[in-house]
Protein backbone atom coordinates (compact mmCIF):
# COMPACT_ATOMS: atom_id res chain seq x y z
CA MET A 1 139.06 105.18 82.05
CA ASN A 2 135.95 103.27 80.89
CA LYS A 3 133.94 105.42 83.84
CA ASN A 4 135.10 108.48 81.36
CA LEU A 5 134.48 107.08 78.10
CA GLY A 6 130.31 106.14 78.77
CA LEU A 7 130.10 110.20 80.64
CA ILE A 8 131.44 111.70 77.62
CA PHE A 9 129.64 108.76 75.36
CA ILE A 10 125.92 109.99 77.79
CA THR A 11 127.12 113.61 78.05
CA ILE A 12 127.11 113.95 74.31
CA ALA A 13 123.96 111.36 73.86
CA LEU A 14 121.49 114.09 75.78
CA VAL A 15 123.34 117.19 74.09
CA SER A 16 122.14 115.34 70.77
CA LEU A 17 118.88 115.74 72.18
CA LEU A 18 119.19 118.44 72.93
CA PHE A 19 120.07 119.29 68.99
CA LEU A 20 117.11 117.40 67.95
CA PRO A 21 115.20 119.92 67.00
CA LEU A 22 117.11 122.32 65.19
CA PHE A 23 117.90 119.00 62.40
CA THR A 24 114.30 117.36 61.59
CA VAL A 25 113.85 116.76 58.19
CA MET A 26 111.47 118.74 57.12
CA ASN A 27 108.43 117.86 54.03
CA GLN A 28 107.74 119.87 51.01
CA GLU A 29 104.66 122.35 53.66
CA LYS A 30 108.11 122.56 55.66
CA GLN A 31 106.29 120.85 58.74
CA PRO A 32 108.84 117.40 60.40
CA LEU A 33 108.11 114.47 59.37
CA PHE A 34 107.21 112.83 62.44
CA LEU A 35 105.78 113.97 65.57
CA LEU A 36 106.85 112.52 68.90
CA ASN A 37 103.54 110.64 70.06
CA SER A 38 103.89 112.97 73.55
CA VAL A 39 103.19 116.29 71.57
CA SER A 40 99.17 117.25 70.88
CA ILE A 41 98.29 119.21 68.04
CA SER A 42 96.24 122.10 68.98
CA GLN A 43 92.75 122.59 68.03
CA THR A 44 91.39 125.24 65.48
CA ILE A 45 88.86 127.97 66.57
CA GLU A 46 86.13 126.04 64.45
CA GLN A 47 87.24 123.24 65.71
CA ILE A 48 86.81 123.84 69.02
CA LYS A 49 83.39 125.90 67.54
CA GLU A 50 82.36 122.42 65.94
CA GLN A 51 83.19 120.83 69.24
CA TYR A 52 81.01 122.84 72.06
CA GLU A 53 78.68 124.34 69.40
CA SER A 54 75.44 121.30 70.94
CA ASP A 55 76.02 121.98 74.31
CA LEU A 56 76.46 126.11 73.73
CA LEU A 57 73.12 125.49 71.97
CA SER A 58 71.55 123.21 74.47
CA ILE A 59 71.44 126.38 77.17
CA ASP A 60 68.34 127.85 77.70
CA GLY A 61 68.11 130.95 76.12
CA VAL A 62 71.52 130.60 73.23
CA VAL A 63 69.56 131.69 70.52
CA GLY A 64 73.34 130.98 68.08
CA VAL A 65 76.71 130.48 67.88
CA GLY A 66 79.43 132.15 65.74
CA ILE A 67 83.51 133.02 65.61
CA GLY A 68 84.16 136.58 65.77
CA GLU A 69 86.69 138.71 66.95
CA CYS A 70 87.69 139.52 70.60
CA GLU A 71 90.40 142.21 71.36
CA ASP A 72 91.72 141.53 67.62
CA LYS A 73 91.79 137.75 68.32
CA PRO A 74 89.82 134.65 67.02
CA CYS A 75 86.31 134.20 70.19
CA ILE A 76 83.90 132.45 70.23
CA LYS A 77 80.94 134.41 70.04
CA VAL A 78 77.61 132.93 71.82
CA TYR A 79 74.47 134.99 70.52
CA LEU A 80 71.38 135.44 73.19
CA GLU A 81 67.61 135.89 73.59
CA ASN A 82 68.46 138.56 76.37
CA GLU A 83 69.68 139.72 78.56
CA SER A 84 69.67 137.72 81.31
CA PRO A 85 72.32 136.80 83.81
CA ASN A 86 70.71 133.58 84.44
CA PHE A 87 71.55 133.42 80.64
CA LYS A 88 75.56 134.18 81.08
CA LYS A 89 75.99 132.67 84.57
CA GLN A 90 75.90 128.89 82.28
CA ILE A 91 78.87 130.98 79.53
CA PRO A 92 82.59 129.79 80.15
CA LYS A 93 84.27 132.13 79.44
CA GLN A 94 86.57 130.35 77.49
CA LEU A 95 87.10 127.06 75.51
CA ASP A 96 89.62 125.27 74.94
CA GLY A 97 91.73 128.36 74.94
CA PHE A 98 89.86 130.58 73.37
CA LYS A 99 88.07 133.50 74.42
CA VAL A 100 83.76 133.11 74.65
CA ASP A 101 81.56 136.27 73.87
CA ALA A 102 78.13 136.38 75.02
CA GLN A 103 76.02 139.31 73.08
CA VAL A 104 71.83 139.87 73.25
CA THR A 105 71.85 139.67 69.90
CA GLY A 106 67.52 138.73 70.47
CA ALA A 107 65.93 135.60 68.96
CA ILE A 108 67.22 134.36 65.17
CA GLN A 109 64.83 133.19 63.05
CA ALA A 110 65.73 132.09 59.19
CA LEU A 111 64.60 134.26 56.52
CA PRO A 112 62.12 132.69 54.25
CA GLN A 113 63.60 131.19 50.72
CA GLN A 114 62.45 133.17 47.92
């Protein structure tokens, strides 16, 4: 009989863990008041751009980095001085899940202030 009670208790505990996300208390922003430490929070595209911008700008031929859309999804835009295949080979295809799109713009110069 004790084995059955122990088994029932363990079963109830495991089942309740499965339904825990349904019963988490939400704050006013509709976000859980607690998160497990093992859950990673994804970064925004702005944070990804900021994180990698100096590395991308250090690549020979890269004249700018921005944010745009590729196939109706946000992506990182890398602007190149010219169409050199050597430049394009150095540009990653993705950064932390966001597509990277290399475009040739030519040299970029700041306009003088008036």
